[in-house]
C-alpha atoms as a PDB file:
ATOM      1  CA  MET A   1     -11.356 -29.781  31.092  1.00  0.00           C
ATOM      2  CA  ASP A   2     -14.338 -30.232  33.378  1.00  0.00           C
ATOM      3  CA  GLU A   3     -15.371 -33.862  33.999  1.00  0.00           C
ATOM      4  CA  LYS A   4     -18.917 -33.197  32.831  1.00  0.00           C
ATOM      5  CA  TRP A   5     -17.708 -33.059  29.214  1.00  0.00           C
ATOM      6  CA  GLN A   6     -17.699 -36.712  28.182  1.00  0.00           C
ATOM      7  CA  LYS A   7     -17.735 -36.195  24.413  1.00  0.00           C
ATOM      8  CA  ASN A   8     -15.981 -33.917  21.958  1.00  0.00           C
ATOM      9  CA  PHE A   9     -17.548 -32.479  18.802  1.00  0.00           C
ATOM     10  CA  PRO A  10     -14.908 -30.733  16.670  1.00  0.00           C
ATOM     11  CA  VAL A  11     -16.333 -28.493  13.947  1.00  0.00           C
ATOM     12  CA  SER A  12     -14.250 -27.364  10.959  1.00  0.00           C
ATOM     13  CA  TRP A  13     -14.632 -24.000   9.227  1.00  0.00           C
ATOM     14  CA  ASP A  14     -16.244 -25.744   6.252  1.00  0.00           C
ATOM     15  CA  GLN A  15     -18.733 -27.593   8.435  1.00  0.00           C
ATOM     16  CA  PHE A  16     -19.564 -24.475  10.436  1.00  0.00           C
ATOM     17  CA  HIS A  17     -20.169 -22.508   7.250  1.00  0.00           C
ATOM     18  CA  ARG A  18     -22.476 -25.243   5.913  1.00  0.00           C
ATOM     19  CA  ASP A  19     -24.350 -25.388   9.235  1.00  0.00           C
ATOM     20  CA  ALA A  20     -24.727 -21.588   9.405  1.00  0.00           C
ATOM     21  CA  ARG A  21     -26.083 -21.558   5.835  1.00  0.00           C
ATOM     22  CA  ALA A  22     -28.498 -24.353   6.801  1.00  0.00           C
ATOM     23  CA  LEU A  23     -29.638 -22.140   9.675  1.00  0.00           C
ATOM     24  CA  ALA A  24     -30.233 -19.282   7.217  1.00  0.00           C
ATOM     25  CA  TRP A  25     -32.237 -21.604   4.984  1.00  0.00           C
ATOM     26  CA  ARG A  26     -34.458 -22.593   7.929  1.00  0.00           C
ATOM     27  CA  LEU A  27     -34.872 -18.943   8.888  1.00  0.00           C
ATOM     28  CA  SER A  28     -35.808 -17.779   5.393  1.00  0.00           C
ATOM     29  CA  ALA A  29     -39.473 -18.655   5.958  1.00  0.00           C
ATOM     30  CA  ALA A  30     -39.536 -17.091   9.452  1.00  0.00           C
ATOM     31  CA  GLY A  31     -38.737 -13.540   8.350  1.00  0.00           C
ATOM     32  CA  PRO A  32     -38.519 -10.953   7.150  1.00  0.00           C
ATOM     33  CA  PHE A  33     -36.208  -9.592   9.805  1.00  0.00           C
ATOM     34  CA  ARG A  34     -35.330  -5.917  10.137  1.00  0.00           C
ATOM     35  CA  ALA A  35     -32.083  -6.563  12.027  1.00  0.00           C
ATOM     36  CA  VAL A  36     -29.765  -9.277  13.301  1.00  0.00           C
ATOM     37  CA  VAL A  37     -28.380  -9.190  16.836  1.00  0.00           C
ATOM     38  CA  ALA A  38     -25.247 -11.302  17.250  1.00  0.00           C
ATOM     39  CA  ILE A  39     -24.433 -12.569  20.728  1.00  0.00           C
ATOM     40  CA  THR A  40     -20.709 -12.037  21.037  1.00  0.00           C
ATOM     41  CA  ARG A  41     -18.346 -13.497  20.600  1.00  0.00           C
ATOM     42  CA  GLY A  42     -19.587 -16.849  19.330  1.00  0.00           C
ATOM     43  CA  GLY A  43     -22.559 -15.448  17.449  1.00  0.00           C
ATOM     44  CA  LEU A  44     -20.535 -13.056  15.285  1.00  0.00           C
ATOM     45  CA  VAL A  45     -19.572 -15.566  12.596  1.00  0.00           C
ATOM     46  CA  PRO A  46     -22.969 -17.234  12.152  1.00  0.00           C
ATOM     47  CA  ALA A  47     -24.713 -13.833  12.319  1.00  0.00           C
ATOM     48  CA  ALA A  48     -22.564 -12.563   9.437  1.00  0.00           C
ATOM     49  CA  ILE A  49     -23.351 -15.651   7.362  1.00  0.00           C
ATOM     50  CA  VAL A  50     -27.078 -15.547   8.130  1.00  0.00           C
ATOM     51  CA  ALA A  51     -27.267 -11.781   7.460  1.00  0.00           C
ATOM     52  CA  ARG A  52     -25.575 -12.270   4.088  1.00  0.00           C
ATOM     53  CA  GLU A  53     -27.826 -15.147   3.089  1.00  0.00           C
ATOM     54  CA  LEU A  54     -31.025 -13.349   4.120  1.00  0.00           C
ATOM     55  CA  GLY A  55     -29.986  -9.911   2.820  1.00  0.00           C
ATOM     56  CA  ILE A  56     -30.141  -8.236   6.226  1.00  0.00           C
ATOM     57  CA  ARG A  57     -27.987  -5.094   6.416  1.00  0.00           C
ATOM     58  CA  VAL A  58     -28.608  -3.962   9.999  1.00  0.00           C
ATOM     59  CA  ILE A  59     -26.378  -5.938  12.341  1.00  0.00           C
ATOM     60  CA  GLU A  60     -26.085  -5.225  16.063  1.00  0.00           C
ATOM     61  CA  SER A  61     -24.323  -7.056  18.864  1.00  0.00           C
ATOM     62  CA  VAL A  62     -25.031  -7.801  22.469  1.00  0.00           C
ATOM     63  CA  CYS A  63     -21.935  -8.649  24.481  1.00  0.00           C
ATOM     64  CA  VAL A  64     -22.471 -11.288  27.138  1.00  0.00           C
ATOM     65  CA  ALA A  65     -19.642 -13.045  28.958  1.00  0.00           C
ATOM     66  CA  SER A  66     -20.374 -16.413  30.519  1.00  0.00           C
ATOM     67  CA  TYR A  67     -17.589 -18.834  29.593  1.00  0.00           C
ATOM     68  CA  ASP A  68     -13.941 -18.978  30.532  1.00  0.00           C
ATOM     69  CA  TYR A  69     -12.788 -21.519  27.940  1.00  0.00           C
ATOM     70  CA  ASP A  70     -14.391 -24.654  29.382  1.00  0.00           C
ATOM     71  CA  ARG A  71     -16.209 -23.437  32.483  1.00  0.00           C
ATOM     72  CA  GLN A  72     -19.447 -21.550  32.581  1.00  0.00           C
ATOM     73  CA  GLY A  73     -19.284 -18.742  35.073  1.00  0.00           C
ATOM     74  CA  GLU A  74     -21.357 -15.798  36.161  1.00  0.00           C
ATOM     75  CA  ILE A  75     -23.280 -13.996  33.419  1.00  0.00           C
ATOM     76  CA  SER A  76     -22.094 -10.486  32.720  1.00  0.00           C
ATOM     77  CA  VAL A  77     -23.674  -8.148  30.166  1.00  0.00           C
ATOM     78  CA  LEU A  78     -20.799  -6.080  28.790  1.00  0.00           C
ATOM     79  CA  LYS A  79     -22.858  -4.235  26.148  1.00  0.00           C
ATOM     80  CA  GLY A  80     -26.618  -4.138  25.701  1.00  0.00           C
ATOM     81  CA  VAL A  81     -28.649  -3.807  22.521  1.00  0.00           C
ATOM     82  CA  ALA A  82     -29.006  -0.356  20.964  1.00  0.00           C
ATOM     83  CA  SER A  83     -32.325   1.286  21.779  1.00  0.00           C
ATOM     84  CA  ASP A  84     -33.265   1.709  18.103  1.00  0.00           C
ATOM     85  CA  ILE A  85     -33.007  -2.086  17.678  1.00  0.00           C
ATOM     86  CA  ALA A  86     -34.705  -3.093  20.931  1.00  0.00           C
ATOM     87  CA  GLY A  87     -37.281  -0.340  20.498  1.00  0.00           C
ATOM     88  CA  GLU A  88     -40.668  -0.105  22.060  1.00  0.00           C
ATOM     89  CA  ASP A  89     -41.740  -3.260  20.226  1.00  0.00           C
ATOM     90  CA  ARG A  90     -39.378  -5.327  22.438  1.00  0.00           C
ATOM     91  CA  GLY A  91     -37.477  -6.867  19.524  1.00  0.00           C
ATOM     92  CA  GLU A  92     -40.292  -7.721  17.150  1.00  0.00           C
ATOM     93  CA  GLY A  93     -38.821  -8.353  13.689  1.00  0.00           C
ATOM     94  CA  VAL A  94     -35.343  -8.870  15.137  1.00  0.00           C
ATOM     95  CA  LEU A  95     -33.313 -12.045  14.715  1.00  0.00           C
ATOM     96  CA  ILE A  96     -30.939 -13.041  17.536  1.00  0.00           C
ATOM     97  CA  VAL A  97     -28.103 -15.340  16.442  1.00  0.00           C
ATOM     98  CA  ASP A  98     -25.610 -17.301  18.534  1.00  0.00           C
ATOM     99  CA  ASP A  99     -23.301 -20.202  17.793  1.00  0.00           C
ATOM    100  CA  LEU A 100     -24.871 -22.466  20.401  1.00  0.00           C
ATOM    101  CA  VAL A 101     -27.185 -22.673  23.346  1.00  0.00           C
ATOM    102  CA  ASP A 102     -25.844 -24.772  26.216  1.00  0.00           C
ATOM    103  CA  THR A 103     -27.529 -24.389  29.593  1.00  0.00           C
ATOM    104  CA  GLY A 104     -29.598 -21.454  28.382  1.00  0.00           C
ATOM    105  CA  ALA A 105     -28.167 -18.959  30.872  1.00  0.00           C
ATOM    106  CA  THR A 106     -27.008 -16.502  28.195  1.00  0.00           C
ATOM    107  CA  ALA A 107     -30.168 -17.050  26.154  1.00  0.00           C
ATOM    108  CA  LYS A 108     -32.355 -16.166  29.155  1.00  0.00           C
ATOM    109  CA  VAL A 109     -30.561 -12.847  29.639  1.00  0.00           C
ATOM    110  CA  VAL A 110     -30.850 -11.887  25.965  1.00  0.00           C
ATOM    111  CA  ARG A 111     -34.473 -13.093  25.764  1.00  0.00           C
ATOM    112  CA  GLU A 112     -35.305 -10.662  28.587  1.00  0.00           C
ATOM    113  CA  MET A 113     -33.840  -7.819  26.506  1.00  0.00           C
ATOM    114  CA  LEU A 114     -35.709  -8.806  23.320  1.00  0.00           C
ATOM    115  CA  PRO A 115     -38.663 -10.995  24.314  1.00  0.00           C
ATOM    116  CA  LYS A 116     -40.407 -10.757  20.922  1.00  0.00           C
ATOM    117  CA  ALA A 117     -37.309 -11.486  18.819  1.00  0.00           C
ATOM    118  CA  HIS A 118     -36.726 -14.748  16.965  1.00  0.00           C
ATOM    119  CA  PHE A 119     -33.822 -16.628  18.588  1.00  0.00           C
ATOM    120  CA  ALA A 120     -31.645 -18.900  16.433  1.00  0.00           C
ATOM    121  CA  THR A 121     -28.521 -20.942  17.101  1.00  0.00           C
ATOM    122  CA  VAL A 122     -26.445 -23.261  14.990  1.00  0.00           C
ATOM    123  CA  TYR A 123     -26.092 -25.875  17.737  1.00  0.00           C
ATOM    124  CA  ALA A 124     -28.344 -26.657  20.697  1.00  0.00           C
ATOM    125  CA  LYS A 125     -28.031 -28.757  23.830  1.00  0.00           C
ATOM    126  CA  PRO A 126     -31.108 -30.148  25.610  1.00  0.00           C
ATOM    127  CA  GLN A 127     -31.066 -27.748  28.594  1.00  0.00           C
ATOM    128  CA  GLY A 128     -31.035 -24.648  26.414  1.00  0.00           C
ATOM    129  CA  ARG A 129     -33.048 -25.914  23.466  1.00  0.00           C
ATOM    130  CA  PRO A 130     -36.454 -24.695  24.757  1.00  0.00           C
ATOM    131  CA  LEU A 131     -35.139 -21.104  24.713  1.00  0.00           C
ATOM    132  CA  VAL A 132     -34.426 -21.009  20.967  1.00  0.00           C
ATOM    133  CA  ASP A 133     -36.906 -20.870  18.123  1.00  0.00           C
ATOM    134  CA  THR A 134     -34.672 -22.321  15.403  1.00  0.00           C
ATOM    135  CA  PHE A 135     -31.486 -24.398  15.432  1.00  0.00           C
ATOM    136  CA  VAL A 136     -29.683 -26.814  13.097  1.00  0.00           C
ATOM    137  CA  THR A 137     -28.012 -29.554  15.134  1.00  0.00           C
ATOM    138  CA  GLU A 138     -28.693 -30.886  18.621  1.00  0.00           C
ATOM    139  CA  VAL A 139     -25.855 -32.426  20.623  1.00  0.00           C
ATOM    140  CA  SER A 140     -25.967 -34.080  24.020  1.00  0.00           C
ATOM    141  CA  GLN A 141     -25.513 -31.983  27.142  1.00  0.00           C
ATOM    142  CA  ASP A 142     -22.223 -33.729  27.966  1.00  0.00           C
ATOM    143  CA  THR A 143     -20.602 -32.757  24.639  1.00  0.00           C
ATOM    144  CA  TRP A 144     -18.021 -29.998  24.313  1.00  0.00           C
ATOM    145  CA  ILE A 145     -18.257 -28.339  20.892  1.00  0.00           C
ATOM    146  CA  TYR A 146     -14.851 -27.276  19.576  1.00  0.00           C
ATOM    147  CA  LEU A 147     -15.603 -24.403  17.241  1.00  0.00           C
ATOM    148  CA  PRO A 148     -13.144 -23.594  14.443  1.00  0.00           C
ATOM    149  CA  TRP A 149     -11.953 -20.306  15.952  1.00  0.00           C
ATOM    150  CA  ASP A 150     -10.912 -22.217  19.085  1.00  0.00           C
ATOM    151  CA  MET A 151      -8.731 -24.763  17.271  1.00  0.00           C
ATOM    152  CA  GLY A 152      -5.503 -24.974  15.365  1.00  0.00           C
ATOM    153  CA  LEU A 153      -4.219 -27.663  13.046  1.00  0.00           C
ATOM    154  CA  GLN A 154      -2.299 -30.317  14.922  1.00  0.00           C
ATOM    155  CA  PHE A 155      -1.795 -34.056  15.114  1.00  0.00           C
ATOM    156  CA  ALA A 156      -4.650 -36.028  16.662  1.00  0.00           C
ATOM    157  CA  PRO A 157      -3.815 -39.485  18.069  1.00  0.00           C
ATOM    158  CA  PRO A 158      -6.004 -42.417  16.964  1.00  0.00           C
ATOM    159  CA  ILE A 159      -8.876 -43.516  19.192  1.00  0.00           C
ATOM    160  CA  ARG A 160      -7.116 -46.814  19.891  1.00  0.00           C
ATOM    161  CA  ASP A 161      -4.329 -44.812  21.544  1.00  0.00           C
ATOM    162  CA  GLY A 162      -6.682 -43.199  24.028  1.00  0.00           C
ATOM    163  CA  ALA A 163      -7.889 -40.176  22.068  1.00  0.00           C
ATOM    164  CA  LYS A 164     -11.333 -38.930  23.041  1.00  0.00           C
ATOM    165  CA  VAL A 165     -14.003 -38.895  20.379  1.00  0.00           C
END
């Protein structure tokens, strides 16, 4: 893994579900929203949870590739937002959901597509935080967040034996 990641933040399915529901709770006063746009792939799970909690039935995705496991690369839009969601109102009444905002590179691209949408993430790092309207937990820029769909159950050595926290 890249040397810039000094800390690890593993997130279980239970914790992620709680955090995504906390995001929905924070968003409940910001709506109503006519649609949710999930930034794939990481935004699919929290978008489904938020849409359920807020009773939103219209769910769209925008497909943006920027990471190759642990390295951020060039931004590539693989699928844009449907015209009936983006509309002439430039995303007004739309909720964008992603798992996290890191450097903000992906967020900038999606913000350009839907400048009037409300942008929400479960986790935020300092560089990307100004680009989101609502988030639940801030972590330091040098932290790698291990999301539950990226992990399997396995033995973890104790810290005293050289395991990273």
